[in-house]
Structures are given as structure tokens and as C-alpha cells.
Amino acid sequence: MLQKTNGAAVQGIDAIPVTIEVSVEIGAQFCIVGLPDAAVKESYQRVLSAITQSGQNFPRAHILINMAPADVRKEGAAYDLPIAIGILAAAQRIQPVVDLKRYLIMGELSLDGTLLPIRGVLPIAILARKLGYEGMIVPKANATEAAVVNNLNVYGCTSLAEVIDFISGHTQPEPTVVNTREEFFNAAMIFDSDFADVRGQENVKRALEVACAGGHNILLVGPPGAGKSMMSKRIPSILPPLTLTESLETTKIHSVAGKLKNGSRLITHRPYRSPHHTISPVALVGGGSNPMPGEISLAHNGVLFLDEFPEFSRAVLEVMRQPLEDRHITISRAKYTIDYPAGFMLVASMNPCPCGYYNHPTRRCTCQPGAVAKYLSRISGPLLDRIDLQVEILPVPFEQLSGPTDGESSAQIRERVIRAREIQSQRFASHAGIHCNAQMPTRLLNTYARLSAECNAILKTAMQRFDMSARAYDRILKVSRTIADLDNSPEILPSHLHEAISYRNLDRSSWGSTI
């Protein structure tokens, strides 16, 4: 007898339908075709044990399983459950009451029949709704994750026996219900860290506010212990809250990567990823023998923080150049090509020199002449070209550390950031793919960042005086436009331009020239 069950395969961050066809005939052979990987081929042993432990007799017959489409690689143990149900139904060990054609079934089986959680449930649930399935049967641990998709009945089961009882009509479990919208907005404004706890560093907090308001990449340069990492962790608290669409996209990426905890729902906060400087290029951009999103995709719609920036290998840093520009990355290998989103805000930090104390107000730098410039040269010019703000940060004096905390809260800063982003959304409404000033191409600068004669003279003088490179010109204009948006000013004023110029410290020819 032939029986079909419905599953799915995850490619990139999306899912495609997979039909599991099970044929049970007279004989004594078990065969799986349809481009399965080793984990899928090993399902025979897991399914055999799980069916037996669930009180059913495993059919001793010729069992042929075809996984269509045959040209798509099937990976992982998530096909155990649809294979088991297909075998039992084809061998007439169970009589399905529910229409299996109307359900998408996925889950990994343990030897005792328990259902184990799987990765990529959210994109699979989105596919199930798109294809018009009535419901979806998944492990209990994945039920809340799948239930964020509306117009789809999600049934979370703990074991194969429970699934059999449901399909056979012996039980009628209630579908999992999640109040997505209410819970999402309630959790979106709760943060563990707040800028109100940061003492001093007002100029750095202002620079971070500007960076968040315009979506600009930023580099913090300062000695050890100045607070670079501490402040970077608070950046998500001043970024605009995730929209439901952004949250769904972000959650899909983390679901595919297996980063969601059991029972997780939508991600409510912008992600913050901080990989160690020993990370490999593949771990950063994604890929591998079993393709997975890398750190830059896990930081999509959020922050990628690279501490000790010059300590990352040159190969790792250079692979970021294209994603920073295009906001997505295409992984091409001999057997597959996958596109991952990579719309992140880069926040990097570094010491100013090998010893860490160049330009320190109280400690002497012990580096040899030329060491500062050589240390900075570890970061290529094209990569620095993609960082709009370069900010020096100095240690906080003891008087400020011991004084009262009276700084602005993250909520106050976030309000100004949101207002600036709303201005930019209206400005770029007619330009597809552009949402903030950092994404503004050069052709639009003359339209939206036009300078007055006075401002032109200021910028010309600054570039000549500090001997700034040509790459600084566009960056200064974009940052000036963001500062004007924070002031709700339709025009870029001299004060806005002066502030933007102050955020290009490393472009000055004098940087690192003396010790």
C-alpha cells in the first residue's frame, strides 16, 4: 500500500515542501531514496525502536520511502516522525481519521518514541500556512515557536504514541495558542541594561545616539577599561523597537540556526552578537557542509559587535565588506547557493595602539615609533570606508565614577532615535531598499544632504586642515544629515557639520604620527 505524508526542507531561511511517499509491499528490505543524508538514512533504526516502544508492530515487509523532490538534499533527523506515520499508515497498522494530506508533520524520534525538538520550525510553519494546510504536528518543545504563525492549527506532541492517538481519532488535543501581538509589544520595551547606569562618557553616548539614529556603523577607539564593551551592550536598548515583520524575519534566522530555546516565541529585542576575534570566515558569514547562518546573519536587524577589531584575521574582516554594502550575503558552493540576510549595524572597538595607551591623559604610551599607524593598518582602507563614525573614548575620571548617576535613560534616547528614523522613513519612502541615512547612495547626497556655501567652506577647510581622505567626504555628509534629523532641521547647519567632522578621528593624517 502507498501512503503520503507532508514534510519540509529548510534552504537558507525559507522552507520548501517535501512529500514523503511510503510503499509497503511483500518482501524484506528497507530503502530510502530522494537524496537523503546520513542522518536521514539512519532513521530506520530510530523509527524501528520508536514504533516498537509505542506499542505498535513494525511491519516486516519491503518498505520503500521516496522523498520528493528528489533533487533537493534532505538533511537531519526531523523526518523521523513523518516517516514513522507513513510506514504505520501504509502497513495499515493505524487507520488515520484525520486527513494526512491536510497536515504537515515534522519531528525527531528518540528510541523510546519521545519527540525531540528540531530546528527551523518557524519557516516550516510559514510554509504550511502558505500552502493552505489545516494544521501542523510538531514536537511539544517547538509548538509555541510554530504557533506565532496565525491561521494554522499547531499541535505539539510529546511522543509518537500521542501522535498516533491523535491521527487515529482516539484523542483530540487542543491546538497551541499564542497571543503574539500582545506579548510581543509587552516584552519589546524591557531591557536588562540601560544607559542611565553609565557614568560620564557623554560624548560617546551622543555618538552612539547619532549612529543608531542613522543606522551608521561606528568604531570606538580607546584604552582598556574605558567602557567600550559596556556601552556597546546597551546599544539595542536605544535602537527603534523591532516591528512584527522584522521580528518574524529575525526569529526565522535564529530558528534555522537552532539558537532558539525550547518554548521560544518571537524574538522581541534586536539581536546583539559579539563573536570572539578567533572566529573563522565561515562562522562569520555562514555556510559549511550543512549550510547554517553565520554571525552576520544572526545579527540581522540588530548589532554585530567586534571587540579588539584589529585582532581579527584579515580574511575574516575582508569578507564583511560585501555584506556591509549589500545587506545580504550569498554563499556559493559546488553543491548549493544560499542567500542569507545581513542587515546589521557594525559596532567595533579597538585599542589605539598595541600597548593601549596612545593619547591616554595620564599613562604614557610605550609603543615604538610607527607602531600606532602599523596597528591601525591591520584594518584595510576599504573596510574603514564603510564605518561612518570613528570615536575616541577616554577613561572616566574618578570624580565621575564616584558621583551620582544622573545620565539620560535609554528610553529618553530611544525616543529621539525613533523620531529621527521616522523622518528618514518618510524621506526615502519612494526609494526602494533605502530606510535610513547610512544606506543613502552618493547620487542622493546632492538631494538630501546639500550644503550651504558656509557649510561647504567649513568642510573644505576641515578636510584641508586635517588632511582627510576623500572617503571621509560622503561619510561626513551622511552623518551631518542624521544629526540634522535629530534636531528636526530640514537643512544641515554648521553645528551639525562640525559635530560630524569630529567623528572622523582616524581620517586625520596626524593620527598615530607621534608617540
Protein backbone atom coordinates (compact mmCIF):
# COMPACT_ATOMS: atom_id res chain seq x y z
CA MET A 1 0.00 0.00 0.00
CA LEU A 2 1.15 3.55 -0.73
CA GLN A 3 0.85 6.38 1.80
CA LYS A 4 1.98 10.01 1.54
CA THR A 5 2.85 12.38 4.37
CA ASN A 6 3.95 16.01 4.15
CA GLY A 7 7.18 17.48 5.45
CA ALA A 8 9.55 20.31 4.55
CA ALA A 9 13.22 21.07 3.97
CA VAL A 10 14.88 24.30 5.03
CA GLN A 11 17.02 26.11 2.47
CA GLY A 12 18.59 29.32 3.65
CA ILE A 13 15.95 30.80 5.96
CA ASP A 14 12.97 29.55 3.96
CA ALA A 15 11.33 26.15 3.69
CA ILE A 16 10.28 24.14 0.64
CA PRO A 17 7.70 21.31 0.66
CA VAL A 18 8.83 17.69 0.78
CA THR A 19 6.49 14.78 0.17
CA ILE A 20 7.36 11.51 1.92
CA GLU A 21 5.97 8.61 -0.09
CA VAL A 22 5.96 5.24 1.70
CA SER A 23 5.32 1.98 -0.13
CA VAL A 24 4.90 -1.24 1.91
CA GLU A 25 4.89 -4.44 -0.14
CA ILE A 26 5.74 -8.09 0.30
CA GLY A 27 9.46 -8.54 0.91
CA ALA A 28 12.16 -7.81 3.47
CA GLN A 29 14.05 -4.67 2.60
CA PHE A 30 14.19 -1.05 3.80
CA CYS A 31 15.25 1.63 1.34
CA ILE A 32 15.17 5.45 1.35
CA VAL A 33 15.64 7.39 -1.88
CA GLY A 34 15.37 11.07 -2.74
CA LEU A 35 18.85 12.41 -1.89
CA PRO A 36 18.85 11.73 1.90
CA ASP A 37 21.92 12.47 4.01
CA ALA A 38 23.41 10.08 6.56
CA ALA A 39 21.10 11.26 9.38
CA VAL A 40 18.02 10.54 7.25
CA LYS A 41 19.32 7.11 6.25
CA GLU A 42 19.87 6.29 9.93
CA SER A 43 16.19 6.99 10.64
CA TYR A 44 15.41 3.28 10.12
CA GLN A 45 16.90 2.34 13.48
CA ARG A 46 15.23 5.21 15.33
CA VAL A 47 11.84 4.61 13.67
CA LEU A 48 12.01 0.87 14.29
CA SER A 49 12.69 1.31 18.00
CA ALA A 50 10.19 4.17 18.43
CA ILE A 51 7.35 2.24 16.76
CA THR A 52 8.05 -0.84 18.87
CA GLN A 53 8.28 1.16 22.11
CA SER A 54 4.98 2.85 21.24
CA GLY A 55 3.12 -0.45 21.30
CA GLN A 56 2.94 -0.99 17.55
CA ASN A 57 4.35 -3.81 15.42
CA PHE A 58 6.93 -2.71 12.91
CA PRO A 59 5.97 -4.22 9.52
CA ARG A 60 8.33 -6.91 8.30
CA ALA A 61 8.00 -6.13 4.63
CA HIS A 62 9.63 -4.37 1.71
CA ILE A 63 9.49 -0.69 2.69
CA LEU A 64 10.44 1.88 0.05
CA ILE A 65 10.50 5.54 1.02
CA ASN A 66 10.79 8.27 -1.59
CA MET A 67 11.38 11.88 -0.54
CA ALA A 68 10.29 14.24 -3.29
CA PRO A 69 11.54 16.39 -4.89
CA ALA A 70 14.47 14.06 -5.42
CA ASP A 71 16.95 16.79 -6.40
CA VAL A 72 16.76 18.57 -3.03
CA ARG A 73 19.11 17.35 -0.30
CA LYS A 74 17.23 16.08 2.79
CA GLU A 75 19.22 16.64 5.98
CA GLY A 76 18.76 15.90 9.65
CA ALA A 77 16.55 13.71 11.82
CA ALA A 78 13.41 15.88 11.56
CA TYR A 79 11.89 13.45 9.01
CA ASP A 80 11.64 10.62 11.57
CA LEU A 81 8.05 11.39 12.53
CA PRO A 82 6.52 11.67 9.03
CA ILE A 83 8.41 8.52 8.00
CA ALA A 84 7.07 6.61 11.03
CA ILE A 85 3.50 7.76 10.45
CA GLY A 86 3.79 6.92 6.74
CA ILE A 87 5.05 3.41 7.50
CA LEU A 88 2.27 2.68 10.01
CA ALA A 89 -0.44 4.03 7.71
CA ALA A 90 0.89 2.25 4.61
CA ALA A 91 1.14 -1.04 6.52
CA GLN A 92 -2.39 -0.44 7.89
CA ARG A 93 -1.15 -0.65 11.46
CA ILE A 94 -3.18 2.51 12.08
CA GLN A 95 -6.33 3.81 10.42
CA PRO A 96 -5.98 7.59 10.09
CA VAL A 97 -9.16 9.50 10.88
CA VAL A 98 -7.64 12.89 10.11
CA ASP A 99 -6.72 13.62 6.51
CA LEU A 100 -2.92 13.39 6.41
CA LYS A 101 -2.94 15.45 3.20
CA ARG A 102 -4.09 18.44 5.25
CA TYR A 103 -1.28 18.24 7.83
CA LEU A 104 2.45 18.94 7.76
CA ILE A 105 4.35 16.64 10.12
CA MET A 106 7.92 17.05 11.37
CA GLY A 107 9.85 15.76 14.38
CA GLU A 108 12.84 13.75 15.55
CA LEU A 109 12.25 10.47 17.38
CA SER A 110 14.25 9.08 20.25
CA LEU A 111 14.49 5.32 20.69
CA ASP A 112 11.65 5.26 23.25
CA GLY A 113 9.32 7.19 20.95
CA THR A 114 9.75 10.59 22.58
CA LEU A 115 9.63 13.54 20.20
CA LEU A 116 12.72 15.73 20.29
CA PRO A 117 12.82 19.41 19.19
CA ILE A 118 14.03 20.30 15.72
CA ARG A 119 15.46 23.40 14.02
CA GLY A 120 13.74 25.64 11.52
CA VAL A 121 10.15 25.14 12.73
CA LEU A 122 9.12 28.74 12.14
CA PRO A 123 9.90 28.87 8.38
CA ILE A 124 8.25 25.44 8.07
CA ALA A 125 5.11 26.78 9.77
CA ILE A 126 5.08 29.78 7.44
CA LEU A 127 5.28 27.38 4.50
CA ALA A 128 2.41 25.28 5.91
CA ARG A 129 0.17 28.34 6.11
CA LYS A 130 1.21 29.46 2.63
CA LEU A 131 0.31 26.06 1.15
CA GLY A 132 -3.07 26.08 2.89
CA TYR A 133 -2.55 23.18 5.30
CA GLU A 134 -5.13 22.82 8.03
CA GLY A 135 -2.61 22.05 10.73
CA MET A 136 0.90 21.08 11.72
CA ILE A 137 2.14 18.35 14.07
CA VAL A 138 5.48 19.09 15.75
CA PRO A 139 7.31 18.24 18.98
CA LYS A 140 5.85 19.92 22.07
CA ALA A 141 9.05 21.94 22.56
CA ASN A 142 8.55 23.59 19.13
CA ALA A 143 4.81 24.23 19.40
CA THR A 144 4.92 27.81 20.71
CA GLU A 145 7.51 28.74 18.10
CA ALA A 146 5.27 27.48 15.28
CA ALA A 147 2.11 28.90 16.84
CA VAL A 148 3.19 32.50 16.23
CA VAL A 149 2.00 31.89 12.64
CA ASN A 150 -1.70 32.69 12.51
CA ASN A 151 -4.39 30.80 10.59
CA LEU A 152 -2.66 27.50 11.29
CA ASN A 153 -3.54 24.88 13.91
CA VAL A 154 -0.33 23.76 15.61
CA TYR A 155 -0.43 20.56 17.64
CA GLY A 156 2.50 19.94 19.95
CA CYS A 157 3.01 16.28 20.89
CA THR A 158 5.44 14.67 23.31
CA SER A 159 5.67 11.19 21.77
CA LEU A 160 4.93 9.06 18.74
CA ALA A 161 2.16 7.30 20.71
CA GLU A 162 0.45 10.66 21.27
CA VAL A 163 0.63 11.45 17.54
CA ILE A 164 -0.81 8.02 16.71
CA ASP A 165 -3.73 8.58 19.10
CA PHE A 166 -4.42 11.96 17.52
CA ILE A 167 -4.28 10.68 13.95
CA SER A 168 -6.39 7.66 14.82
CA GLY A 169 -9.06 9.82 16.44
CA HIS A 170 -8.60 8.42 19.94
CA THR A 171 -7.75 11.85 21.33
CA GLN A 172 -8.46 15.41 20.23
CA PRO A 173 -5.72 17.71 21.58
CA GLU A 174 -6.20 21.45 21.64
CA PRO A 175 -4.02 23.46 19.24
CA THR A 176 -1.37 25.67 20.78
CA VAL A 177 -2.46 29.29 21.03
CA VAL A 178 -0.07 32.23 21.39
CA ASN A 179 -1.18 35.84 21.86
CA THR A 180 1.66 37.05 19.68
CA ARG A 181 0.90 40.75 19.32
CA GLU A 182 0.18 41.50 22.98
CA GLU A 183 3.14 39.52 24.33
CA PHE A 184 5.44 40.95 21.67
CA PHE A 185 4.79 44.60 22.49
CA ASN A 186 4.84 43.98 26.25
CA ALA A 187 8.31 42.42 26.08
CA ALA A 188 9.79 44.76 23.46
CA MET A 189 10.48 47.59 25.92
CA ILE A 190 12.09 45.55 28.69
CA PHE A 191 15.92 45.58 28.72
CA ASP A 192 18.49 44.25 31.15
CA SER A 193 20.90 47.16 30.58
CA ASP A 194 20.25 50.89 30.45
CA PHE A 195 22.34 53.94 29.54
CA ALA A 196 21.16 55.56 32.77
CA ASP A 197 23.72 53.35 34.56
CA VAL A 198 26.64 54.77 32.52
CA ARG A 199 28.59 57.47 34.33
CA GLY A 200 30.20 60.16 32.21
CA GLN A 201 31.13 59.49 28.56
CA GLU A 202 28.52 61.96 27.32
CA ASN A 203 30.34 62.50 24.02
CA VAL A 204 30.43 58.75 23.36
CA LYS A 205 26.76 58.31 24.26
CA ARG A 206 25.96 61.13 21.86
CA ALA A 207 27.97 59.42 19.10
CA LEU A 208 26.10 56.15 19.73
CA GLU A 209 22.81 58.02 19.55
CA VAL A 210 23.79 59.50 16.18
CA ALA A 211 24.88 56.08 14.93
CA CYS A 212 21.59 54.47 15.95
CA ALA A 213 19.51 57.33 14.56
CA GLY A 214 21.03 56.95 11.09
CA GLY A 215 21.91 53.25 11.10
CA HIS A 216 25.60 54.13 10.86
CA ASN A 217 28.48 51.77 11.59
CA ILE A 218 30.72 53.01 14.38
CA LEU A 219 34.27 52.34 15.63
CA LEU A 220 35.17 53.06 19.27
CA VAL A 221 38.87 53.67 19.89
CA GLY A 222 40.13 53.80 23.45
CA PRO A 223 42.35 52.24 26.13
CA PRO A 224 41.42 49.12 28.10
CA GLY A 225 38.77 49.71 30.74
CA ALA A 226 37.32 52.82 29.11
CA GLY A 227 33.85 51.24 28.78
CA LYS A 228 33.74 50.31 25.10
CA SER A 229 32.16 46.88 25.60
CA MET A 230 29.91 48.06 28.40
CA MET A 231 28.32 50.79 26.29
CA SER A 232 28.07 48.66 23.17
CA LYS A 233 25.91 46.13 25.05
CA ARG A 234 23.40 48.89 25.70
CA ILE A 235 23.01 49.88 22.05
CA PRO A 236 19.98 47.60 21.39
CA SER A 237 18.13 49.49 24.15
CA ILE A 238 18.24 52.76 22.15
CA LEU A 239 17.55 51.31 18.71
CA PRO A 240 13.98 51.52 17.38
CA PRO A 241 11.90 48.53 18.56
CA LEU A 242 11.55 45.63 16.18
CA THR A 243 8.45 45.63 14.03
CA LEU A 244 6.48 42.38 13.83
CA THR A 245 7.82 41.83 10.31
CA GLU A 246 11.43 42.35 11.43
CA SER A 247 10.87 40.13 14.45
CA LEU A 248 9.48 37.34 12.30
CA GLU A 249 12.44 37.54 9.92
CA THR A 250 14.93 37.61 12.78
CA THR A 251 13.25 34.69 14.53
CA LYS A 252 13.37 32.65 11.31
CA ILE A 253 17.14 33.04 11.12
CA HIS A 254 17.66 32.02 14.74
CA SER A 255 15.23 29.12 14.32
CA VAL A 256 17.15 27.76 11.33
CA ALA A 257 20.43 28.13 13.26
CA GLY A 258 18.99 26.29 16.27
CA LYS A 259 19.57 29.28 18.56
CA LEU A 260 16.04 29.43 19.98
CA LYS A 261 15.39 27.91 23.37
CA ASN A 262 12.65 25.31 23.74
CA GLY A 263 9.31 27.04 24.09
CA SER A 264 10.59 30.25 22.47
CA ARG A 265 8.31 32.56 20.55
CA LEU A 266 9.11 35.68 18.58
CA ILE A 267 12.37 37.48 19.29
CA THR A 268 11.34 40.80 20.82
CA HIS A 269 14.71 42.60 21.05
CA ARG A 270 17.17 43.44 18.32
CA PRO A 271 19.90 40.78 18.36
CA TYR A 272 23.32 41.56 19.75
CA ARG A 273 26.12 39.27 18.57
CA SER A 274 29.67 39.50 19.86
CA PRO A 275 31.90 36.79 18.34
CA HIS A 276 35.45 36.24 19.60
CA HIS A 277 38.30 37.51 17.43
CA THR A 278 39.40 33.91 16.71
CA ILE A 279 36.24 33.28 14.65
CA SER A 280 36.69 31.77 11.18
CA PRO A 281 35.37 33.36 7.96
CA VAL A 282 32.79 30.57 7.54
CA ALA A 283 31.48 31.02 11.09
CA LEU A 284 31.13 34.75 10.45
CA VAL A 285 29.39 34.70 7.06
CA GLY A 286 27.73 31.27 7.19
CA GLY A 287 27.90 28.15 5.05
CA GLY A 288 29.60 24.87 5.87
CA SER A 289 28.89 21.29 4.78
CA ASN A 290 25.42 21.65 6.31
CA PRO A 291 24.70 25.31 5.49
CA MET A 292 23.95 27.44 8.53
CA PRO A 293 23.62 31.22 9.04
CA GLY A 294 26.77 32.91 10.31
CA GLU A 295 27.19 35.63 12.92
CA ILE A 296 26.48 38.44 10.48
CA SER A 297 23.09 36.89 9.66
CA LEU A 298 22.33 36.17 13.31
CA ALA A 299 22.91 39.91 13.86
CA HIS A 300 20.38 40.80 11.13
CA ASN A 301 18.16 43.72 12.26
CA GLY A 302 20.48 44.18 15.22
CA VAL A 303 24.07 44.79 16.27
CA LEU A 304 27.29 42.94 15.41
CA PHE A 305 29.93 43.92 17.96
CA LEU A 306 33.55 43.13 17.12
CA ASP A 307 35.76 43.73 20.14
CA GLU A 308 39.52 44.03 19.60
CA PHE A 309 38.86 44.83 15.95
CA PRO A 310 42.47 44.66 14.67
CA GLU A 311 42.94 41.23 16.29
CA PHE A 312 40.50 39.59 13.87
CA SER A 313 42.25 37.90 10.97
CA ARG A 314 42.47 39.89 7.76
CA ALA A 315 40.45 37.23 5.91
CA VAL A 316 37.61 37.49 8.44
CA LEU A 317 37.45 41.28 8.23
CA GLU A 318 37.55 41.40 4.45
CA VAL A 319 34.59 39.03 3.99
CA MET A 320 32.43 41.64 5.72
CA ARG A 321 32.93 44.27 3.04
CA GLN A 322 30.26 42.99 0.65
CA PRO A 323 27.58 42.27 3.33
CA LEU A 324 28.11 45.74 4.83
CA GLU A 325 27.35 47.27 1.45
CA ASP A 326 24.61 44.94 0.13
CA ARG A 327 22.97 43.95 3.46
CA HIS A 328 22.78 40.32 2.40
CA ILE A 329 25.28 37.59 1.64
CA THR A 330 25.22 34.85 -0.96
CA ILE A 331 27.02 31.62 -0.05
CA SER A 332 28.01 29.75 -3.21
CA ARG A 333 29.45 26.27 -3.06
CA ALA A 334 29.71 23.42 -5.53
CA LYS A 335 26.51 21.78 -4.28
CA TYR A 336 24.39 24.75 -3.22
CA THR A 337 23.84 28.50 -3.35
CA ILE A 338 22.09 30.14 -0.41
CA ASP A 339 21.22 33.76 0.29
CA TYR A 340 21.18 34.99 3.90
CA PRO A 341 20.08 38.47 5.06
CA ALA A 342 22.78 40.56 6.73
CA GLY A 343 21.28 43.95 7.53
CA PHE A 344 23.24 44.64 10.72
CA MET A 345 24.77 47.65 12.40
CA LEU A 346 28.51 47.15 12.87
CA VAL A 347 29.94 48.34 16.18
CA ALA A 348 33.67 47.75 16.54
CA SER A 349 36.11 48.63 19.28
CA MET A 350 39.88 48.69 19.44
CA ASN A 351 42.80 49.90 21.47
CA PRO A 352 44.55 52.90 19.89
CA CYS A 353 47.90 51.07 19.83
CA PRO A 354 49.45 47.73 20.83
CA CYS A 355 50.05 48.82 24.43
CA GLY A 356 46.65 50.52 24.55
CA TYR A 357 47.64 53.94 25.91
CA TYR A 358 48.23 56.19 22.91
CA ASN A 359 46.58 59.59 23.64
CA HIS A 360 45.85 58.49 27.22
CA PRO A 361 45.58 61.52 29.54
CA THR A 362 47.58 60.02 32.44
CA ARG A 363 49.54 57.00 31.20
CA ARG A 364 52.46 57.04 28.79
CA CYS A 365 52.39 55.03 25.58
CA THR A 366 55.31 52.59 25.40
CA CYS A 367 54.98 51.66 21.73
CA GLN A 368 57.84 52.13 19.27
CA PRO A 369 57.64 54.94 16.67
CA GLY A 370 55.30 53.98 13.87
CA ALA A 371 53.61 51.26 15.91
CA VAL A 372 50.31 53.15 16.13
CA ALA A 373 49.98 53.57 12.36
CA LYS A 374 51.06 49.96 11.82
CA TYR A 375 48.45 48.73 14.31
CA LEU A 376 45.70 50.68 12.54
CA SER A 377 46.86 49.35 9.17
CA ARG A 378 45.60 45.90 10.19
CA ILE A 379 42.20 47.26 9.19
CA SER A 380 42.05 47.85 5.45
CA GLY A 381 41.07 51.18 3.95
CA PRO A 382 38.00 49.76 2.14
CA LEU A 383 36.67 48.39 5.42
CA LEU A 384 37.28 51.65 7.28
CA ASP A 385 35.49 53.31 4.38
CA ARG A 386 32.31 51.52 5.47
CA ILE A 387 32.48 52.84 9.05
CA ASP A 388 30.81 56.24 9.31
CA LEU A 389 31.79 57.24 12.85
CA GLN A 390 35.24 56.88 14.43
CA VAL A 391 35.12 57.98 18.05
CA GLU A 392 37.87 58.27 20.64
CA ILE A 393 36.89 57.23 24.15
CA LEU A 394 38.89 58.06 27.29
CA PRO A 395 38.62 56.60 30.81
CA VAL A 396 36.10 58.21 33.14
CA PRO A 397 37.74 60.28 35.93
CA PHE A 398 37.31 59.03 39.49
CA GLU A 399 35.13 62.01 40.39
CA GLN A 400 32.53 60.96 37.82
CA LEU A 401 32.76 57.27 38.73
CA SER A 402 32.08 58.02 42.40
CA GLY A 403 29.44 60.65 41.71
CA PRO A 404 25.67 60.17 41.35
CA THR A 405 24.17 58.60 38.25
CA ASP A 406 22.20 61.33 36.53
CA GLY A 407 22.54 60.43 32.86
CA GLU A 408 19.71 60.02 30.40
CA SER A 409 17.89 56.72 30.31
CA SER A 410 17.80 54.52 27.24
CA ALA A 411 14.09 55.28 26.86
CA GLN A 412 14.77 59.03 26.54
CA ILE A 413 17.50 58.48 23.94
CA ARG A 414 15.37 55.95 22.08
CA GLU A 415 12.55 58.48 21.67
CA ARG A 416 14.86 60.84 19.77
CA VAL A 417 16.23 57.96 17.69
CA ILE A 418 12.72 56.84 16.72
CA ARG A 419 11.72 60.38 15.69
CA ALA A 420 14.83 60.67 13.50
CA ARG A 421 14.12 57.27 11.90
CA GLU A 422 10.54 58.34 11.14
CA ILE A 423 11.87 61.39 9.31
CA GLN A 424 14.15 59.15 7.25
CA SER A 425 11.36 56.68 6.51
CA GLN A 426 9.30 59.48 5.01
CA ARG A 427 12.31 60.85 3.12
CA PHE A 428 13.14 57.54 1.47
CA ALA A 429 9.59 56.27 1.03
CA SER A 430 9.92 56.46 -2.76
CA HIS A 431 13.38 54.80 -2.80
CA ALA A 432 13.11 51.02 -2.55
CA GLY A 433 15.61 49.35 -0.27
CA ILE A 434 16.69 52.56 1.50
CA HIS A 435 15.43 53.02 5.05
CA CYS A 436 18.00 55.21 6.81
CA ASN A 437 20.71 57.74 6.08
CA ALA A 438 23.53 55.19 6.26
CA GLN A 439 22.07 53.41 3.22
CA MET A 440 21.85 56.61 1.17
CA PRO A 441 23.84 56.25 -2.07
CA THR A 442 26.07 59.02 -3.39
CA ARG A 443 23.53 60.00 -6.06
CA LEU A 444 21.06 61.08 -3.34
CA LEU A 445 23.50 63.17 -1.31
CA ASN A 446 23.05 66.19 -3.56
CA THR A 447 19.31 65.95 -2.98
CA TYR A 448 19.06 65.25 0.75
CA ALA A 449 22.44 66.39 2.11
CA ARG A 450 23.03 69.56 0.13
CA LEU A 451 25.33 72.04 1.91
CA SER A 452 25.08 75.79 2.02
CA ALA A 453 28.00 77.94 0.93
CA GLU A 454 29.01 78.43 4.57
CA CYS A 455 28.93 74.71 5.28
CA ASN A 456 30.86 73.97 2.09
CA ALA A 457 33.61 76.34 3.22
CA ILE A 458 33.71 74.68 6.68
CA LEU A 459 34.01 71.20 5.20
CA LYS A 460 36.69 72.28 2.72
CA THR A 461 38.74 73.90 5.48
CA ALA A 462 38.42 70.82 7.73
CA MET A 463 39.48 68.40 5.03
CA GLN A 464 42.49 70.53 4.14
CA ARG A 465 43.48 71.25 7.74
CA PHE A 466 43.25 67.65 8.93
CA ASP A 467 44.33 66.24 5.57
CA MET A 468 41.32 63.92 5.48
CA SER A 469 40.99 61.33 2.76
CA ALA A 470 38.35 61.55 0.06
CA ARG A 471 36.44 58.66 1.59
CA ALA A 472 35.59 60.85 4.59
CA TYR A 473 33.57 63.30 2.47
CA ASP A 474 30.44 61.18 1.89
CA ARG A 475 30.52 59.84 5.43
CA ILE A 476 30.56 63.33 6.90
CA LEU A 477 27.58 64.35 4.75
CA LYS A 478 25.54 61.30 5.79
CA VAL A 479 26.29 61.77 9.49
CA SER A 480 25.54 65.50 9.21
CA ARG A 481 22.16 64.64 7.72
CA THR A 482 21.43 62.35 10.67
CA ILE A 483 22.43 64.98 13.22
CA ALA A 484 20.12 67.45 11.47
CA ASP A 485 17.31 64.88 11.66
CA LEU A 486 17.87 64.54 15.40
CA ASP A 487 17.47 68.31 15.63
CA ASN A 488 14.40 68.12 13.35
CA SER A 489 16.17 70.52 10.99
CA PRO A 490 15.38 70.37 7.25
CA GLU A 491 18.80 71.86 6.45
CA ILE A 492 22.30 70.86 7.52
CA LEU A 493 23.62 73.65 9.74
CA PRO A 494 27.26 74.48 10.55
CA SER A 495 26.85 73.00 14.05
CA HIS A 496 25.73 69.70 12.52
CA LEU A 497 28.70 69.66 10.19
CA HIS A 498 31.19 70.46 12.97
CA GLU A 499 29.87 67.55 15.04
CA ALA A 500 30.05 65.15 12.09
CA ILE A 501 33.66 66.18 11.36
CA SER A 502 34.57 65.45 14.99
CA TYR A 503 33.53 61.82 14.43
CA ARG A 504 36.27 61.19 11.81
CA ASN A 505 39.29 60.96 14.10
CA LEU A 506 41.16 58.21 12.27
CA ASP A 507 40.96 60.01 8.93
CA ARG A 508 43.26 62.75 10.18
CA SER A 509 46.77 62.47 8.84
CA SER A 510 48.15 63.28 12.30
CA TRP A 511 46.65 60.17 13.86
CA GLY A 512 49.43 57.91 15.07
CA SER A 513 52.19 60.12 13.70
CA THR A 514 53.69 60.94 17.10
CA ILE A 515 54.15 58.99 20.31
